[in-house]
Amino acid sequence: MYEDRRTGKKPVPENLDKYLNEAQMSALQDVESLGWKLMFIRRPSQRKTVAVVVDGSGHIIGVLENDGSINKQSDIIIRK
């Protein structure tokens, strides 16, 4: 799907509760049951984290917002 260009960090950390709030964790469980999956968590230093999800087909990408909603109209740039 996408090449991982990070060094030293996994795209999806094992300790999700460190990066996602309760609403995001709950929403992630809900959308995973619909075929979506957590693609990666962008963790820039000194800025807020961004959780990126992708649908089962791999064509629709969205940002998992703080309120648990998925923003499919996000301006996030994904390297290919």
PDB file of N, CA and C in Angstrom:
ATOM      1  N   MET A   1       0.830  -1.180   0.000  1.00  0.00           N
ATOM      2  CA  MET A   1       0.000   0.000   0.000  1.00  0.00           C
ATOM      3  C   MET A   1       0.879   1.250   0.000  1.00  0.00           C
ATOM      4  N   TYR A   2       1.433   1.625   1.136  1.00  0.00           N
ATOM      5  CA  TYR A   2       2.300   2.791   1.235  1.00  0.00           C
ATOM      6  C   TYR A   2       3.628   2.374   1.834  1.00  0.00           C
ATOM      7  N   GLU A   3       4.688   2.965   1.319  1.00  0.00           N
ATOM      8  CA  GLU A   3       6.020   2.675   1.845  1.00  0.00           C
ATOM      9  C   GLU A   3       6.230   3.446   3.143  1.00  0.00           C
ATOM     10  N   ASP A   4       6.760   2.782   4.125  1.00  0.00           N
ATOM     11  CA  ASP A   4       7.033   3.418   5.409  1.00  0.00           C
ATOM     12  C   ASP A   4       8.402   4.065   5.349  1.00  0.00           C
ATOM     13  N   ARG A   5       8.442   5.395   5.471  1.00  0.00           N
ATOM     14  CA  ARG A   5       9.713   6.124   5.380  1.00  0.00           C
ATOM     15  C   ARG A   5      10.247   6.549   6.745  1.00  0.00           C
ATOM     16  N   ARG A   6       9.553   6.180   7.803  1.00  0.00           N
ATOM     17  CA  ARG A   6      10.004   6.540   9.141  1.00  0.00           C
ATOM     18  C   ARG A   6      11.206   5.725   9.549  1.00  0.00           C
ATOM     19  N   THR A   7      11.975   6.286  10.456  1.00  0.00           N
ATOM     20  CA  THR A   7      13.067   5.517  11.046  1.00  0.00           C
ATOM     21  C   THR A   7      12.863   5.510  12.548  1.00  0.00           C
ATOM     22  N   GLY A   8      12.785   4.333  13.102  1.00  0.00           N
ATOM     23  CA  GLY A   8      12.679   4.201  14.544  1.00  0.00           C
ATOM     24  C   GLY A   8      11.278   4.270  15.120  1.00  0.00           C
ATOM     25  N   LYS A   9      10.271   4.590  14.336  1.00  0.00           N
ATOM     26  CA  LYS A   9       8.896   4.659  14.843  1.00  0.00           C
ATOM     27  C   LYS A   9       7.995   3.811  13.962  1.00  0.00           C
ATOM     28  N   LYS A  10       7.110   3.074  14.606  1.00  0.00           N
ATOM     29  CA  LYS A  10       6.112   2.312  13.867  1.00  0.00           C
ATOM     30  C   LYS A  10       4.999   3.269  13.438  1.00  0.00           C
ATOM     31  N   PRO A  11       4.357   3.033  12.297  1.00  0.00           N
ATOM     32  CA  PRO A  11       3.270   3.912  11.864  1.00  0.00           C
ATOM     33  C   PRO A  11       2.104   3.927  12.857  1.00  0.00           C
ATOM     34  N   VAL A  12       1.840   2.779  13.464  1.00  0.00           N
ATOM     35  CA  VAL A  12       0.791   2.683  14.479  1.00  0.00           C
ATOM     36  C   VAL A  12       1.445   2.202  15.767  1.00  0.00           C
ATOM     37  N   PRO A  13       1.565   3.091  16.758  1.00  0.00           N
ATOM     38  CA  PRO A  13       2.207   2.689  18.009  1.00  0.00           C
ATOM     39  C   PRO A  13       1.347   1.697  18.791  1.00  0.00           C
ATOM     40  N   GLU A  14       1.988   0.920  19.631  1.00  0.00           N
ATOM     41  CA  GLU A  14       1.264  -0.071  20.432  1.00  0.00           C
ATOM     42  C   GLU A  14       0.432   0.578  21.529  1.00  0.00           C
ATOM     43  N   ASN A  15       0.866   1.708  22.036  1.00  0.00           N
ATOM     44  CA  ASN A  15       0.167   2.384  23.136  1.00  0.00           C
ATOM     45  C   ASN A  15      -0.749   3.493  22.605  1.00  0.00           C
ATOM     46  N   LEU A  16      -1.800   3.090  21.917  1.00  0.00           N
ATOM     47  CA  LEU A  16      -2.717   4.047  21.293  1.00  0.00           C
ATOM     48  C   LEU A  16      -3.315   5.038  22.280  1.00  0.00           C
ATOM     49  N   ASP A  17      -3.562   4.593  23.508  1.00  0.00           N
ATOM     50  CA  ASP A  17      -4.200   5.477  24.487  1.00  0.00           C
ATOM     51  C   ASP A  17      -3.320   6.679  24.839  1.00  0.00           C
ATOM     52  N   LYS A  18      -2.050   6.623  24.507  1.00  0.00           N
ATOM     53  CA  LYS A  18      -1.158   7.767  24.718  1.00  0.00           C
ATOM     54  C   LYS A  18      -1.413   8.860  23.674  1.00  0.00           C
ATOM     55  N   TYR A  19      -1.929   8.473  22.519  1.00  0.00           N
ATOM     56  CA  TYR A  19      -2.095   9.395  21.407  1.00  0.00           C
ATOM     57  C   TYR A  19      -3.547   9.724  21.076  1.00  0.00           C
ATOM     58  N   LEU A  20      -4.476   8.823  21.417  1.00  0.00           N
ATOM     59  CA  LEU A  20      -5.890   9.020  21.092  1.00  0.00           C
ATOM     60  C   LEU A  20      -6.697   9.240  22.362  1.00  0.00           C
ATOM     61  N   ASN A  21      -7.683  10.124  22.283  1.00  0.00           N
ATOM     62  CA  ASN A  21      -8.558  10.337  23.438  1.00  0.00           C
ATOM     63  C   ASN A  21      -9.681   9.293  23.438  1.00  0.00           C
ATOM     64  N   GLU A  22     -10.544   9.346  24.431  1.00  0.00           N
ATOM     65  CA  GLU A  22     -11.619   8.344  24.557  1.00  0.00           C
ATOM     66  C   GLU A  22     -12.551   8.336  23.359  1.00  0.00           C
ATOM     67  N   ALA A  23     -12.932   9.517  22.879  1.00  0.00           N
ATOM     68  CA  ALA A  23     -13.838   9.605  21.729  1.00  0.00           C
ATOM     69  C   ALA A  23     -13.196   8.987  20.487  1.00  0.00           C
ATOM     70  N   GLN A  24     -11.924   9.235  20.282  1.00  0.00           N
ATOM     71  CA  GLN A  24     -11.220   8.668  19.137  1.00  0.00           C
ATOM     72  C   GLN A  24     -11.081   7.152  19.269  1.00  0.00           C
ATOM     73  N   MET A  25     -10.769   6.675  20.465  1.00  0.00           N
ATOM     74  CA  MET A  25     -10.633   5.231  20.681  1.00  0.00           C
ATOM     75  C   MET A  25     -11.960   4.529  20.415  1.00  0.00           C
ATOM     76  N   SER A  26     -13.046   5.108  20.909  1.00  0.00           N
ATOM     77  CA  SER A  26     -14.375   4.522  20.698  1.00  0.00           C
ATOM     78  C   SER A  26     -14.739   4.530  19.218  1.00  0.00           C
ATOM     79  N   ALA A  27     -14.503   5.651  18.565  1.00  0.00           N
ATOM     80  CA  ALA A  27     -14.820   5.758  17.133  1.00  0.00           C
ATOM     81  C   ALA A  27     -13.978   4.789  16.316  1.00  0.00           C
ATOM     82  N   LEU A  28     -12.725   4.619  16.689  1.00  0.00           N
ATOM     83  CA  LEU A  28     -11.853   3.699  15.965  1.00  0.00           C
ATOM     84  C   LEU A  28     -12.390   2.275  16.045  1.00  0.00           C
ATOM     85  N   GLN A  29     -12.842   1.870  17.217  1.00  0.00           N
ATOM     86  CA  GLN A  29     -13.436   0.528  17.355  1.00  0.00           C
ATOM     87  C   GLN A  29     -14.668   0.400  16.462  1.00  0.00           C
ATOM     88  N   ASP A  30     -15.491   1.444  16.423  1.00  0.00           N
ATOM     89  CA  ASP A  30     -16.702   1.414  15.594  1.00  0.00           C
ATOM     90  C   ASP A  30     -16.370   1.298  14.108  1.00  0.00           C
ATOM     91  N   VAL A  31     -15.453   2.126  13.616  1.00  0.00           N
ATOM     92  CA  VAL A  31     -15.159   2.107  12.183  1.00  0.00           C
ATOM     93  C   VAL A  31     -14.373   0.865  11.772  1.00  0.00           C
ATOM     94  N   GLU A  32     -13.597   0.296  12.706  1.00  0.00           N
ATOM     95  CA  GLU A  32     -12.892  -0.947  12.391  1.00  0.00           C
ATOM     96  C   GLU A  32     -13.889  -2.066  12.119  1.00  0.00           C
ATOM     97  N   SER A  33     -15.016  -2.030  12.790  1.00  0.00           N
ATOM     98  CA  SER A  33     -16.040  -3.054  12.540  1.00  0.00           C
ATOM     99  C   SER A  33     -16.669  -2.875  11.154  1.00  0.00           C
ATOM    100  N   LEU A  34     -16.468  -1.707  10.553  1.00  0.00           N
ATOM    101  CA  LEU A  34     -16.989  -1.426   9.209  1.00  0.00           C
ATOM    102  C   LEU A  34     -15.906  -1.556   8.134  1.00  0.00           C
ATOM    103  N   GLY A  35     -14.736  -2.052   8.529  1.00  0.00           N
ATOM    104  CA  GLY A  35     -13.671  -2.300   7.563  1.00  0.00           C
ATOM    105  C   GLY A  35     -12.592  -1.239   7.494  1.00  0.00           C
ATOM    106  N   TRP A  36     -12.740  -0.160   8.223  1.00  0.00           N
ATOM    107  CA  TRP A  36     -11.705   0.876   8.248  1.00  0.00           C
ATOM    108  C   TRP A  36     -10.560   0.404   9.136  1.00  0.00           C
ATOM    109  N   LYS A  37      -9.381   0.992   8.945  1.00  0.00           N
ATOM    110  CA  LYS A  37      -8.274   0.681   9.852  1.00  0.00           C
ATOM    111  C   LYS A  37      -7.407   1.918  10.050  1.00  0.00           C
ATOM    112  N   LEU A  38      -6.724   1.922  11.161  1.00  0.00           N
ATOM    113  CA  LEU A  38      -5.806   3.003  11.477  1.00  0.00           C
ATOM    114  C   LEU A  38      -4.571   2.827  10.600  1.00  0.00           C
ATOM    115  N   MET A  39      -4.310   3.816   9.771  1.00  0.00           N
ATOM    116  CA  MET A  39      -3.203   3.754   8.826  1.00  0.00           C
ATOM    117  C   MET A  39      -1.893   4.171   9.505  1.00  0.00           C
ATOM    118  N   PHE A  40      -1.937   5.305  10.210  1.00  0.00           N
ATOM    119  CA  PHE A  40      -0.783   5.772  10.964  1.00  0.00           C
ATOM    120  C   PHE A  40      -1.212   6.907  11.878  1.00  0.00           C
ATOM    121  N   ILE A  41      -0.341   7.207  12.816  1.00  0.00           N
ATOM    122  CA  ILE A  41      -0.531   8.379  13.663  1.00  0.00           C
ATOM    123  C   ILE A  41       0.666   9.279  13.430  1.00  0.00           C
ATOM    124  N   ARG A  42       0.397  10.446  12.900  1.00  0.00           N
ATOM    125  CA  ARG A  42       1.460  11.424  12.687  1.00  0.00           C
ATOM    126  C   ARG A  42       1.758  12.076  14.026  1.00  0.00           C
ATOM    127  N   ARG A  43       3.001  12.018  14.441  1.00  0.00           N
ATOM    128  CA  ARG A  43       3.397  12.498  15.770  1.00  0.00           C
ATOM    129  C   ARG A  43       4.508  13.536  15.668  1.00  0.00           C
ATOM    130  N   PRO A  44       4.174  14.712  15.147  1.00  0.00           N
ATOM    131  CA  PRO A  44       5.215  15.743  15.033  1.00  0.00           C
ATOM    132  C   PRO A  44       5.573  16.295  16.406  1.00  0.00           C
ATOM    133  N   SER A  45       6.811  16.666  16.563  1.00  0.00           N
ATOM    134  CA  SER A  45       7.211  17.233  17.849  1.00  0.00           C
ATOM    135  C   SER A  45       6.595  18.616  18.000  1.00  0.00           C
ATOM    136  N   GLN A  46       6.091  18.898  19.166  1.00  0.00           N
ATOM    137  CA  GLN A  46       5.522  20.185  19.559  1.00  0.00           C
ATOM    138  C   GLN A  46       4.281  20.589  18.767  1.00  0.00           C
ATOM    139  N   ARG A  47       3.575  19.635  18.193  1.00  0.00           N
ATOM    140  CA  ARG A  47       2.276  19.891  17.562  1.00  0.00           C
ATOM    141  C   ARG A  47       1.366  18.725  17.901  1.00  0.00           C
ATOM    142  N   LYS A  48       0.060  18.922  17.662  1.00  0.00           N
ATOM    143  CA  LYS A  48      -0.875  17.853  18.008  1.00  0.00           C
ATOM    144  C   LYS A  48      -0.722  16.667  17.063  1.00  0.00           C
ATOM    145  N   THR A  49      -1.022  15.492  17.580  1.00  0.00           N
ATOM    146  CA  THR A  49      -0.952  14.284  16.767  1.00  0.00           C
ATOM    147  C   THR A  49      -2.140  14.231  15.824  1.00  0.00           C
ATOM    148  N   VAL A  50      -1.975  13.495  14.739  1.00  0.00           N
ATOM    149  CA  VAL A  50      -3.031  13.344  13.742  1.00  0.00           C
ATOM    150  C   VAL A  50      -3.165  11.856  13.452  1.00  0.00           C
ATOM    151  N   ALA A  51      -4.358  11.313  13.709  1.00  0.00           N
ATOM    152  CA  ALA A  51      -4.622   9.903  13.433  1.00  0.00           C
ATOM    153  C   ALA A  51      -5.285   9.796  12.060  1.00  0.00           C
ATOM    154  N   VAL A  52      -4.705   8.983  11.189  1.00  0.00           N
ATOM    155  CA  VAL A  52      -5.203   8.835   9.828  1.00  0.00           C
ATOM    156  C   VAL A  52      -5.746   7.425   9.654  1.00  0.00           C
ATOM    157  N   VAL A  53      -6.972   7.346   9.137  1.00  0.00           N
ATOM    158  CA  VAL A  53      -7.631   6.061   8.907  1.00  0.00           C
ATOM    159  C   VAL A  53      -7.901   5.891   7.410  1.00  0.00           C
ATOM    160  N   VAL A  54      -8.048   4.645   7.009  1.00  0.00           N
ATOM    161  CA  VAL A  54      -8.322   4.333   5.609  1.00  0.00           C
ATOM    162  C   VAL A  54      -9.436   3.294   5.562  1.00  0.00           C
ATOM    163  N   ASP A  55     -10.294   3.409   4.544  1.00  0.00           N
ATOM    164  CA  ASP A  55     -11.399   2.450   4.424  1.00  0.00           C
ATOM    165  C   ASP A  55     -10.879   1.119   3.902  1.00  0.00           C
ATOM    166  N   GLY A  56     -11.737   0.127   3.904  1.00  0.00           N
ATOM    167  CA  GLY A  56     -11.350  -1.230   3.519  1.00  0.00           C
ATOM    168  C   GLY A  56     -10.822  -1.353   2.104  1.00  0.00           C
ATOM    169  N   SER A  57     -11.270  -0.484   1.191  1.00  0.00           N
ATOM    170  CA  SER A  57     -10.804  -0.541  -0.191  1.00  0.00           C
ATOM    171  C   SER A  57      -9.449   0.132  -0.358  1.00  0.00           C
ATOM    172  N   GLY A  58      -9.055   0.941   0.634  1.00  0.00           N
ATOM    173  CA  GLY A  58      -7.793   1.653   0.553  1.00  0.00           C
ATOM    174  C   GLY A  58      -7.856   2.928  -0.253  1.00  0.00           C
ATOM    175  N   HIS A  59      -9.077   3.333  -0.639  1.00  0.00           N
ATOM    176  CA  HIS A  59      -9.225   4.514  -1.483  1.00  0.00           C
ATOM    177  C   HIS A  59      -9.680   5.765  -0.737  1.00  0.00           C
ATOM    178  N   ILE A  60     -10.348   5.585   0.376  1.00  0.00           N
ATOM    179  CA  ILE A  60     -10.847   6.742   1.127  1.00  0.00           C
ATOM    180  C   ILE A  60     -10.011   6.899   2.382  1.00  0.00           C
ATOM    181  N   ILE A  61      -9.404   8.066   2.508  1.00  0.00           N
ATOM    182  CA  ILE A  61      -8.547   8.365   3.654  1.00  0.00           C
ATOM    183  C   ILE A  61      -9.189   9.483   4.443  1.00  0.00           C
ATOM    184  N   GLY A  62      -9.149   9.356   5.762  1.00  0.00           N
ATOM    185  CA  GLY A  62      -9.719  10.389   6.609  1.00  0.00           C
ATOM    186  C   GLY A  62      -8.896  10.612   7.859  1.00  0.00           C
ATOM    187  N   VAL A  63      -9.130  11.745   8.464  1.00  0.00           N
ATOM    188  CA  VAL A  63      -8.478  12.082   9.728  1.00  0.00           C
ATOM    189  C   VAL A  63      -9.478  11.816  10.848  1.00  0.00           C
ATOM    190  N   LEU A  64      -9.068  11.090  11.844  1.00  0.00           N
ATOM    191  CA  LEU A  64      -9.904  10.811  13.012  1.00  0.00           C
ATOM    192  C   LEU A  64      -9.804  12.020  13.942  1.00  0.00           C
ATOM    193  N   GLU A  65     -10.850  12.838  13.938  1.00  0.00           N
ATOM    194  CA  GLU A  65     -10.847  14.091  14.687  1.00  0.00           C
ATOM    195  C   GLU A  65     -10.983  13.835  16.188  1.00  0.00           C
ATOM    196  N   ASN A  66     -10.719  14.865  16.988  1.00  0.00           N
ATOM    197  CA  ASN A  66     -10.766  14.742  18.452  1.00  0.00           C
ATOM    198  C   ASN A  66     -12.135  14.323  18.967  1.00  0.00           C
ATOM    199  N   ASP A  67     -13.209  14.682  18.253  1.00  0.00           N
ATOM    200  CA  ASP A  67     -14.559  14.320  18.693  1.00  0.00           C
ATOM    201  C   ASP A  67     -14.976  12.928  18.231  1.00  0.00           C
ATOM    202  N   GLY A  68     -14.079  12.226  17.529  1.00  0.00           N
ATOM    203  CA  GLY A  68     -14.372  10.872  17.070  1.00  0.00           C
ATOM    204  C   GLY A  68     -14.913  10.810  15.652  1.00  0.00           C
ATOM    205  N   SER A  69     -15.171  11.948  15.047  1.00  0.00           N
ATOM    206  CA  SER A  69     -15.657  11.948  13.663  1.00  0.00           C
ATOM    207  C   SER A  69     -14.493  11.718  12.700  1.00  0.00           C
ATOM    208  N   ILE A  70     -14.831  11.292  11.490  1.00  0.00           N
ATOM    209  CA  ILE A  70     -13.816  11.102  10.462  1.00  0.00           C
ATOM    210  C   ILE A  70     -13.966  12.217   9.446  1.00  0.00           C
ATOM    211  N   ASN A  71     -12.909  12.974   9.278  1.00  0.00           N
ATOM    212  CA  ASN A  71     -12.893  14.077   8.328  1.00  0.00           C
ATOM    213  C   ASN A  71     -12.319  13.561   7.013  1.00  0.00           C
ATOM    214  N   LYS A  72     -13.198  13.310   6.052  1.00  0.00           N
ATOM    215  CA  LYS A  72     -12.764  12.810   4.746  1.00  0.00           C
ATOM    216  C   LYS A  72     -12.355  13.951   3.824  1.00  0.00           C
ATOM    217  N   GLN A  73     -12.591  15.186   4.248  1.00  0.00           N
ATOM    218  CA  GLN A  73     -12.252  16.366   3.456  1.00  0.00           C
ATOM    219  C   GLN A  73     -10.983  17.040   3.978  1.00  0.00           C
ATOM    220  N   SER A  74     -10.207  16.344   4.725  1.00  0.00           N
ATOM    221  CA  SER A  74      -9.006  16.897   5.346  1.00  0.00           C
ATOM    222  C   SER A  74      -7.989  17.304   4.281  1.00  0.00           C
ATOM    223  N   ASP A  75      -7.163  18.250   4.623  1.00  0.00           N
ATOM    224  CA  ASP A  75      -6.104  18.685   3.715  1.00  0.00           C
ATOM    225  C   ASP A  75      -4.779  17.953   3.987  1.00  0.00           C
ATOM    226  N   ILE A  76      -4.860  16.817   4.661  1.00  0.00           N
ATOM    227  CA  ILE A  76      -3.656  16.066   4.992  1.00  0.00           C
ATOM    228  C   ILE A  76      -2.988  15.553   3.714  1.00  0.00           C
ATOM    229  N   ILE A  77      -1.682  15.624   3.695  1.00  0.00           N
ATOM    230  CA  ILE A  77      -0.919  15.176   2.536  1.00  0.00           C
ATOM    231  C   ILE A  77      -0.275  13.840   2.882  1.00  0.00           C
ATOM    232  N   ILE A  78      -0.532  12.840   2.029  1.00  0.00           N
ATOM    233  CA  ILE A  78      -0.007  11.496   2.227  1.00  0.00           C
ATOM    234  C   ILE A  78       1.079  11.262   1.170  1.00  0.00           C
ATOM    235  N   ARG A  79       2.268  10.896   1.625  1.00  0.00           N
ATOM    236  CA  ARG A  79       3.345  10.586   0.670  1.00  0.00           C
ATOM    237  C   ARG A  79       3.030   9.268  -0.015  1.00  0.00           C
ATOM    238  N   LYS A  80       3.382   9.189  -1.258  1.00  0.00           N
ATOM    239  CA  LYS A  80       3.179   7.940  -1.998  1.00  0.00           C
ATOM    240  C   LYS A  80       4.489   7.375  -2.467  1.00  0.00           C
TER     241      LYS A  80
END
